[in-house]
Amino acid sequence: MKGILFTELLEMVEERYSARATEEIVANAQLPSGGAYTSVGNYDHGEIWSLACELSKICQTPVPDLFKAYGEYLFSRLASGYAQLLDGMQSSFDLLQALDGVIHREVRRLYPDAELPRFEIVERAPGRMVLIYSSKRHFGDLAEGLIRGCVRHFNENISITREQLPAEQGSRVSFTLTLQ
């Protein structure tokens, strides 16, 4: 998993909680990397789970809720840091439609070794979109947070429903977005 996901998580913890909380979760998680991340490095995705579990103990928030909040935070950071990728996007539906074909292609150009999740649009109609998130990792909550961050970025009133789908390995989640 790319280090930018770790560095941004630690930034969020420091921003929303404290530098002390950041130090504490890194120390308590007993990470193979020691918690020393670079944005371009590769790290085991289990470390981000360990960090989230430790943060959950400190702030007494369930891990799924933390990943959703982190997804929203991460979207805003990526949107400001890579604003050129959003050029021409008029809505959440536009951006989500372009995720695999445009945005993830650019991510692969920047980080050729990145293992990206897949977002498959299975339905797009005026006011409604259904997409399937698939990943070897179990980050459906993070994906939901990213989608919510996208909706917030475009200032849209969209309801999101979620359904866990069977998967042979990893996870598959269906998200239905409905414009209100």
Protein backbone atom coordinates (compact mmCIF):
# COMPACT_ATOMS: atom_id res chain seq x y z
CA MET A 1 0.00 0.00 0.00
CA LYS A 2 1.38 3.42 -0.95
CA GLY A 3 2.84 5.49 1.83
CA ILE A 4 0.76 8.55 0.99
CA LEU A 5 -2.20 6.77 2.58
CA PHE A 6 -0.22 6.39 5.80
CA THR A 7 1.23 9.90 5.83
CA GLU A 8 -2.19 11.43 5.24
CA LEU A 9 -3.72 9.33 8.02
CA LEU A 10 -1.09 10.52 10.47
CA GLU A 11 -1.64 14.12 9.30
CA MET A 12 -5.36 13.74 9.97
CA VAL A 13 -4.73 12.32 13.45
CA GLU A 14 -2.40 15.17 14.32
CA GLU A 15 -4.80 17.77 12.90
CA ARG A 16 -7.97 16.42 14.52
CA TYR A 17 -6.58 15.02 17.76
CA SER A 18 -2.98 15.94 18.59
CA ALA A 19 0.67 15.26 17.90
CA ARG A 20 0.65 13.25 21.13
CA ALA A 21 -2.16 11.02 19.79
CA THR A 22 -0.14 10.44 16.63
CA GLU A 23 2.93 9.44 18.64
CA GLU A 24 0.84 7.20 20.87
CA ILE A 25 -0.88 5.24 18.08
CA VAL A 26 2.43 4.72 16.26
CA ALA A 27 4.13 3.51 19.45
CA ASN A 28 1.27 1.24 20.53
CA ALA A 29 0.67 -0.32 17.10
CA GLN A 30 4.10 -2.01 17.12
CA LEU A 31 4.51 -1.55 13.37
CA PRO A 32 7.08 -3.49 11.33
CA SER A 33 7.99 -0.20 9.60
CA GLY A 34 8.30 1.60 12.92
CA GLY A 35 5.77 4.12 11.64
CA ALA A 36 8.37 5.89 9.48
CA TYR A 37 6.49 6.42 6.22
CA THR A 38 7.33 8.21 3.00
CA SER A 39 4.56 9.10 0.57
CA VAL A 40 6.12 7.03 -2.24
CA GLY A 41 7.09 4.01 -0.13
CA ASN A 42 5.19 0.73 -0.02
CA TYR A 43 3.92 -0.68 3.26
CA ASP A 44 1.80 -3.58 4.40
CA HIS A 45 -1.86 -2.57 4.53
CA GLY A 46 -2.15 -4.30 7.91
CA GLU A 47 -0.24 -1.38 9.40
CA ILE A 48 -3.01 1.07 8.58
CA TRP A 49 -5.45 -1.29 10.30
CA SER A 50 -3.19 -1.36 13.37
CA LEU A 51 -3.03 2.43 13.43
CA ALA A 52 -6.82 2.71 13.12
CA CYS A 53 -7.34 0.19 15.93
CA GLU A 54 -5.04 2.16 18.22
CA LEU A 55 -6.74 5.44 17.28
CA SER A 56 -10.11 3.82 18.02
CA LYS A 57 -8.95 3.13 21.58
CA ILE A 58 -7.87 6.74 22.09
CA CYS A 59 -10.90 8.50 20.65
CA GLN A 60 -13.42 5.74 21.43
CA THR A 61 -14.75 5.74 17.89
CA PRO A 62 -15.40 2.47 16.03
CA VAL A 63 -12.78 1.61 13.40
CA PRO A 64 -15.32 1.64 10.52
CA ASP A 65 -16.33 5.20 11.44
CA LEU A 66 -12.67 6.23 11.58
CA PHE A 67 -12.03 4.84 8.10
CA LYS A 68 -15.09 6.68 6.74
CA ALA A 69 -13.91 9.94 8.31
CA TYR A 70 -10.42 9.32 6.99
CA GLY A 71 -11.80 8.70 3.49
CA GLU A 72 -13.56 12.07 3.53
CA TYR A 73 -10.42 13.77 4.77
CA LEU A 74 -8.27 11.95 2.20
CA PHE A 75 -10.53 12.97 -0.68
CA SER A 76 -10.21 16.64 0.22
CA ARG A 77 -6.42 16.34 0.47
CA LEU A 78 -6.12 14.51 -2.85
CA ALA A 79 -8.53 16.93 -4.55
CA SER A 80 -6.41 19.90 -3.50
CA GLY A 81 -3.07 18.18 -4.17
CA TYR A 82 -4.05 16.79 -7.57
CA ALA A 83 -6.60 19.38 -8.68
CA GLN A 84 -5.65 18.93 -12.34
CA LEU A 85 -7.19 15.45 -12.25
CA LEU A 86 -10.56 17.02 -11.47
CA ASP A 87 -10.47 19.36 -14.45
CA GLY A 88 -13.64 18.98 -16.47
CA MET A 89 -15.46 17.06 -13.73
CA GLN A 90 -18.85 18.64 -13.12
CA SER A 91 -20.27 16.22 -10.54
CA SER A 92 -19.59 13.28 -8.27
CA PHE A 93 -21.00 11.01 -10.96
CA ASP A 94 -18.50 12.39 -13.50
CA LEU A 95 -15.58 11.85 -11.18
CA LEU A 96 -16.63 8.36 -10.11
CA GLN A 97 -17.22 7.41 -13.75
CA ALA A 98 -13.65 8.53 -14.54
CA LEU A 99 -12.02 6.86 -11.56
CA ASP A 100 -10.69 3.67 -13.14
CA GLY A 101 -10.18 4.99 -16.67
CA VAL A 102 -8.69 8.42 -16.03
CA ILE A 103 -7.68 8.97 -12.41
CA HIS A 104 -6.31 5.52 -11.61
CA ARG A 105 -4.44 5.54 -14.94
CA GLU A 106 -2.69 8.73 -13.81
CA VAL A 107 -1.99 7.22 -10.37
CA ARG A 108 -0.39 4.20 -12.10
CA ARG A 109 1.75 6.57 -14.15
CA LEU A 110 2.97 8.29 -10.98
CA TYR A 111 3.22 5.09 -8.93
CA PRO A 112 3.65 2.11 -11.29
CA ASP A 113 3.73 -0.38 -8.43
CA ALA A 114 0.50 0.84 -6.80
CA GLU A 115 -2.13 -1.85 -6.17
CA LEU A 116 -5.36 0.03 -6.73
CA PRO A 117 -8.90 -1.00 -5.95
CA ARG A 118 -11.34 -1.29 -8.80
CA PHE A 119 -14.46 0.85 -9.17
CA GLU A 120 -16.87 -0.55 -11.73
CA ILE A 121 -19.90 1.50 -12.77
CA VAL A 122 -22.75 -0.95 -13.25
CA GLU A 123 -25.49 1.64 -13.70
CA ARG A 124 -25.58 5.32 -14.50
CA ALA A 125 -28.84 7.10 -15.07
CA PRO A 126 -29.87 10.69 -14.45
CA GLY A 127 -29.83 11.08 -10.70
CA ARG A 128 -28.62 7.55 -9.94
CA MET A 129 -25.37 5.61 -10.06
CA VAL A 130 -24.45 2.13 -8.87
CA LEU A 131 -20.79 1.24 -8.54
CA ILE A 132 -18.94 -1.78 -7.26
CA TYR A 133 -15.78 -1.37 -5.21
CA SER A 134 -13.46 -4.40 -5.38
CA SER A 135 -10.16 -4.78 -3.59
CA LYS A 136 -7.83 -7.41 -2.18
CA ARG A 137 -7.96 -5.36 0.99
CA HIS A 138 -11.03 -4.79 3.11
CA PHE A 139 -11.41 -1.03 2.83
CA GLY A 140 -15.10 -0.62 2.01
CA ASP A 141 -15.40 1.94 4.81
CA LEU A 142 -12.51 3.95 3.38
CA ALA A 143 -14.11 3.76 -0.08
CA GLU A 144 -17.39 5.01 1.38
CA GLY A 145 -15.59 7.92 3.01
CA LEU A 146 -13.88 8.80 -0.27
CA ILE A 147 -17.26 8.75 -2.03
CA ARG A 148 -18.75 10.96 0.69
CA GLY A 149 -15.79 13.32 0.33
CA CYS A 150 -16.41 13.46 -3.41
CA VAL A 151 -20.08 14.31 -2.86
CA ARG A 152 -19.10 17.03 -0.38
CA HIS A 153 -16.50 18.42 -2.82
CA PHE A 154 -19.18 18.91 -5.49
CA ASN A 155 -21.66 20.19 -2.87
CA GLU A 156 -24.33 17.73 -3.94
CA ASN A 157 -27.27 16.28 -2.04
CA ILE A 158 -26.76 12.57 -2.70
CA SER A 159 -27.85 9.65 -0.55
CA ILE A 160 -25.51 6.67 -0.46
CA THR A 161 -26.58 3.14 0.30
CA ARG A 162 -24.18 0.28 0.65
CA GLU A 163 -24.37 -3.48 0.26
CA GLN A 164 -21.63 -5.98 1.02
CA LEU A 165 -21.27 -8.45 -1.86
CA PRO A 166 -19.79 -11.93 -1.78
CA ALA A 167 -16.11 -12.07 -2.70
CA GLU A 168 -13.76 -15.01 -3.09
CA GLN A 169 -10.97 -12.94 -1.56
CA GLY A 170 -10.78 -9.35 -0.46
CA SER A 171 -13.97 -7.36 -0.51
CA ARG A 172 -16.67 -6.23 -2.90
CA VAL A 173 -19.13 -3.52 -1.97
CA SER A 174 -21.97 -2.08 -4.01
CA PHE A 175 -22.67 1.63 -3.54
CA THR A 176 -25.86 3.18 -4.84
CA LEU A 177 -25.82 6.96 -5.12
CA THR A 178 -29.11 8.76 -5.57
CA LEU A 179 -29.39 12.47 -6.24
CA GLN A 180 -31.97 14.01 -3.90
